[in-house]
Amino acid sequence: MSTLRNKVNLIGRIGQKPELQTVPGGYQLTRFFVATNERYKDKSGAWQEETQWHNITAWGKKAENIVRILDKGNEIALEGKLVNRQYETQGGEKRYSTEIELNEFMLLNKKSLNSNPKSTSL
């Protein structure tokens, strides 16, 4: 059991073009969303599709590489860990969020503008 840890693996599509931010202390950060789809049959036997959106964060060189390489619609495989954050709004209200902090990613294919998608891996 000593090998169990906080680990998340996803395959999904980028929801928007990632943008690089510089936060206090000079650290590079990017936040972006990845959509995963799950198909299942409902009680009547009809196929349904459910989309989940996942908030992803990346720091440093990983953030720079993501902004340089990834675009909206790209399919990626990623590995990361769950991170829970607590913050306070300007109005003093406490808020909570759960994010996936990226460890590694691989571009599976680029979004194609024509009907023949090209597969690319890094």
C-alpha atoms as a PDB file:
ATOM      1  CA  MET A   1       0.000   0.000   0.000  1.00  0.00           C
ATOM      2  CA  SER A   2       2.964   2.328   0.253  1.00  0.00           C
ATOM      3  CA  THR A   3       2.726   3.017  -3.489  1.00  0.00           C
ATOM      4  CA  LEU A   4      -0.727   4.629  -3.203  1.00  0.00           C
ATOM      5  CA  ARG A   5      -0.680   8.389  -3.588  1.00  0.00           C
ATOM      6  CA  ASN A   6      -2.634  11.361  -4.857  1.00  0.00           C
ATOM      7  CA  LYS A   7      -2.634  10.680  -8.613  1.00  0.00           C
ATOM      8  CA  VAL A   8      -5.032  11.567 -11.439  1.00  0.00           C
ATOM      9  CA  ASN A   9      -4.845  10.382 -15.067  1.00  0.00           C
ATOM     10  CA  LEU A  10      -7.120  11.890 -17.733  1.00  0.00           C
ATOM     11  CA  ILE A  11      -7.535  11.856 -21.490  1.00  0.00           C
ATOM     12  CA  GLY A  12      -9.586  14.737 -22.838  1.00  0.00           C
ATOM     13  CA  ARG A  13      -9.762  17.823 -25.013  1.00  0.00           C
ATOM     14  CA  ILE A  14      -8.539  21.342 -24.239  1.00  0.00           C
ATOM     15  CA  GLY A  15     -11.488  23.741 -23.812  1.00  0.00           C
ATOM     16  CA  GLN A  16      -9.638  27.001 -24.526  1.00  0.00           C
ATOM     17  CA  LYS A  17      -6.213  28.233 -25.584  1.00  0.00           C
ATOM     18  CA  PRO A  18      -4.013  28.176 -22.420  1.00  0.00           C
ATOM     19  CA  GLU A  19      -2.510  31.551 -21.474  1.00  0.00           C
ATOM     20  CA  LEU A  20       0.631  32.186 -19.440  1.00  0.00           C
ATOM     21  CA  GLN A  21       0.418  34.317 -16.287  1.00  0.00           C
ATOM     22  CA  THR A  22       3.150  35.619 -14.021  1.00  0.00           C
ATOM     23  CA  VAL A  23       2.146  35.539 -10.363  1.00  0.00           C
ATOM     24  CA  PRO A  24       3.795  37.333  -7.414  1.00  0.00           C
ATOM     25  CA  GLY A  25       7.304  36.025  -6.922  1.00  0.00           C
ATOM     26  CA  GLY A  26       7.858  35.765 -10.684  1.00  0.00           C
ATOM     27  CA  TYR A  27       6.421  32.253 -11.064  1.00  0.00           C
ATOM     28  CA  GLN A  28       4.891  31.222 -14.408  1.00  0.00           C
ATOM     29  CA  LEU A  29       1.374  29.722 -14.232  1.00  0.00           C
ATOM     30  CA  THR A  30      -1.241  28.557 -16.695  1.00  0.00           C
ATOM     31  CA  ARG A  31      -4.781  27.445 -15.969  1.00  0.00           C
ATOM     32  CA  PHE A  32      -6.954  25.671 -18.510  1.00  0.00           C
ATOM     33  CA  PHE A  33      -9.876  23.274 -18.725  1.00  0.00           C
ATOM     34  CA  VAL A  34      -9.963  19.733 -20.081  1.00  0.00           C
ATOM     35  CA  ALA A  35     -13.234  18.047 -21.071  1.00  0.00           C
ATOM     36  CA  THR A  36     -13.695  14.300 -20.666  1.00  0.00           C
ATOM     37  CA  ASN A  37     -16.667  12.434 -22.141  1.00  0.00           C
ATOM     38  CA  GLU A  38     -18.337   9.294 -20.905  1.00  0.00           C
ATOM     39  CA  ARG A  39     -20.931   7.347 -22.893  1.00  0.00           C
ATOM     40  CA  TYR A  40     -23.465   5.100 -21.202  1.00  0.00           C
ATOM     41  CA  LYS A  41     -26.868   3.549 -21.814  1.00  0.00           C
ATOM     42  CA  ASP A  42     -29.740   4.940 -19.790  1.00  0.00           C
ATOM     43  CA  LYS A  43     -32.617   2.864 -18.361  1.00  0.00           C
ATOM     44  CA  SER A  44     -34.440   2.922 -21.707  1.00  0.00           C
ATOM     45  CA  GLY A  45     -31.352   1.642 -23.546  1.00  0.00           C
ATOM     46  CA  ALA A  46     -30.605   4.941 -25.333  1.00  0.00           C
ATOM     47  CA  TRP A  47     -26.992   6.101 -25.490  1.00  0.00           C
ATOM     48  CA  GLN A  48     -26.211   9.198 -23.437  1.00  0.00           C
ATOM     49  CA  GLU A  49     -23.038  11.256 -23.262  1.00  0.00           C
ATOM     50  CA  GLU A  50     -21.881  13.126 -20.183  1.00  0.00           C
ATOM     51  CA  THR A  51     -19.125  15.742 -20.283  1.00  0.00           C
ATOM     52  CA  GLN A  52     -17.057  16.635 -17.214  1.00  0.00           C
ATOM     53  CA  TRP A  53     -14.845  19.753 -17.139  1.00  0.00           C
ATOM     54  CA  HIS A  54     -11.602  19.593 -15.145  1.00  0.00           C
ATOM     55  CA  ASN A  55      -9.629  22.640 -13.997  1.00  0.00           C
ATOM     56  CA  ILE A  56      -5.903  22.082 -14.672  1.00  0.00           C
ATOM     57  CA  THR A  57      -2.970  24.166 -13.385  1.00  0.00           C
ATOM     58  CA  ALA A  58       0.671  23.992 -14.405  1.00  0.00           C
ATOM     59  CA  TRP A  59       3.728  25.872 -13.135  1.00  0.00           C
ATOM     60  CA  GLY A  60       7.139  26.919 -14.455  1.00  0.00           C
ATOM     61  CA  LYS A  61       8.560  25.254 -17.570  1.00  0.00           C
ATOM     62  CA  LYS A  62       5.505  22.994 -17.866  1.00  0.00           C
ATOM     63  CA  ALA A  63       3.285  26.076 -18.042  1.00  0.00           C
ATOM     64  CA  GLU A  64       5.518  27.624 -20.720  1.00  0.00           C
ATOM     65  CA  ASN A  65       5.496  24.394 -22.774  1.00  0.00           C
ATOM     66  CA  ILE A  66       1.725  24.053 -22.525  1.00  0.00           C
ATOM     67  CA  VAL A  67       1.144  27.584 -23.784  1.00  0.00           C
ATOM     68  CA  ARG A  68       3.603  27.001 -26.628  1.00  0.00           C
ATOM     69  CA  ILE A  69       2.306  23.556 -27.682  1.00  0.00           C
ATOM     70  CA  LEU A  70      -1.390  23.241 -26.820  1.00  0.00           C
ATOM     71  CA  ASP A  71      -4.443  24.867 -28.372  1.00  0.00           C
ATOM     72  CA  LYS A  72      -8.199  24.649 -28.019  1.00  0.00           C
ATOM     73  CA  GLY A  73      -9.501  21.275 -29.186  1.00  0.00           C
ATOM     74  CA  ASN A  74      -6.224  19.339 -28.783  1.00  0.00           C
ATOM     75  CA  GLU A  75      -6.605  15.905 -27.241  1.00  0.00           C
ATOM     76  CA  ILE A  76      -4.135  15.250 -24.428  1.00  0.00           C
ATOM     77  CA  ALA A  77      -3.285  12.620 -21.851  1.00  0.00           C
ATOM     78  CA  LEU A  78      -2.228  14.063 -18.519  1.00  0.00           C
ATOM     79  CA  GLU A  79      -1.092  12.999 -15.090  1.00  0.00           C
ATOM     80  CA  GLY A  80      -1.366  15.174 -12.027  1.00  0.00           C
ATOM     81  CA  LYS A  81      -2.560  15.381  -8.458  1.00  0.00           C
ATOM     82  CA  LEU A  82      -5.681  16.790  -6.825  1.00  0.00           C
ATOM     83  CA  VAL A  83      -5.170  20.076  -5.004  1.00  0.00           C
ATOM     84  CA  ASN A  84      -7.855  21.720  -2.844  1.00  0.00           C
ATOM     85  CA  ARG A  85      -7.646  25.481  -2.458  1.00  0.00           C
ATOM     86  CA  GLN A  86      -9.438  27.897  -0.186  1.00  0.00           C
ATOM     87  CA  TYR A  87      -9.577  31.607  -0.915  1.00  0.00           C
ATOM     88  CA  GLU A  88     -11.556  34.655   0.080  1.00  0.00           C
ATOM     89  CA  THR A  89     -13.417  36.973  -2.325  1.00  0.00           C
ATOM     90  CA  GLN A  90     -13.124  40.743  -2.102  1.00  0.00           C
ATOM     91  CA  GLY A  91     -16.475  40.682  -0.300  1.00  0.00           C
ATOM     92  CA  GLY A  92     -15.018  38.409   2.410  1.00  0.00           C
ATOM     93  CA  GLU A  93     -16.811  35.244   1.269  1.00  0.00           C
ATOM     94  CA  LYS A  94     -14.843  31.989   1.585  1.00  0.00           C
ATOM     95  CA  ARG A  95     -14.646  29.881  -1.568  1.00  0.00           C
ATOM     96  CA  TYR A  96     -13.216  26.447  -2.272  1.00  0.00           C
ATOM     97  CA  SER A  97     -11.957  24.847  -5.456  1.00  0.00           C
ATOM     98  CA  THR A  98     -10.440  21.550  -6.516  1.00  0.00           C
ATOM     99  CA  GLU A  99      -7.847  21.552  -9.293  1.00  0.00           C
ATOM    100  CA  ILE A 100      -5.544  19.074 -10.939  1.00  0.00           C
ATOM    101  CA  GLU A 101      -1.926  20.195 -10.674  1.00  0.00           C
ATOM    102  CA  LEU A 102      -0.175  18.899 -13.781  1.00  0.00           C
ATOM    103  CA  ASN A 103       2.888  16.649 -13.510  1.00  0.00           C
ATOM    104  CA  GLU A 104       3.132  15.365 -17.097  1.00  0.00           C
ATOM    105  CA  PHE A 105       1.201  15.599 -20.353  1.00  0.00           C
ATOM    106  CA  MET A 106       1.285  14.160 -23.857  1.00  0.00           C
ATOM    107  CA  LEU A 107      -0.344  15.634 -26.950  1.00  0.00           C
ATOM    108  CA  LEU A 108      -2.346  12.817 -28.544  1.00  0.00           C
ATOM    109  CA  ASN A 109      -3.563  14.665 -31.625  1.00  0.00           C
ATOM    110  CA  LYS A 110      -4.095  18.145 -32.902  1.00  0.00           C
ATOM    111  CA  LYS A 111      -7.522  19.500 -33.696  1.00  0.00           C
ATOM    112  CA  SER A 112      -7.842  19.286 -37.451  1.00  0.00           C
ATOM    113  CA  LEU A 113      -9.368  22.029 -39.560  1.00  0.00           C
ATOM    114  CA  ASN A 114     -10.203  19.502 -42.267  1.00  0.00           C
ATOM    115  CA  SER A 115     -11.866  16.109 -42.027  1.00  0.00           C
ATOM    116  CA  ASN A 116      -8.586  14.155 -41.760  1.00  0.00           C
ATOM    117  CA  PRO A 117      -7.195  14.587 -38.221  1.00  0.00           C
ATOM    118  CA  LYS A 118      -3.456  14.103 -37.823  1.00  0.00           C
ATOM    119  CA  SER A 119      -2.081  12.164 -34.899  1.00  0.00           C
ATOM    120  CA  THR A 120       0.890  13.700 -33.115  1.00  0.00           C
ATOM    121  CA  SER A 121       2.691  12.659 -29.973  1.00  0.00           C
ATOM    122  CA  LEU A 122       5.487  14.322 -28.039  1.00  0.00           C
END
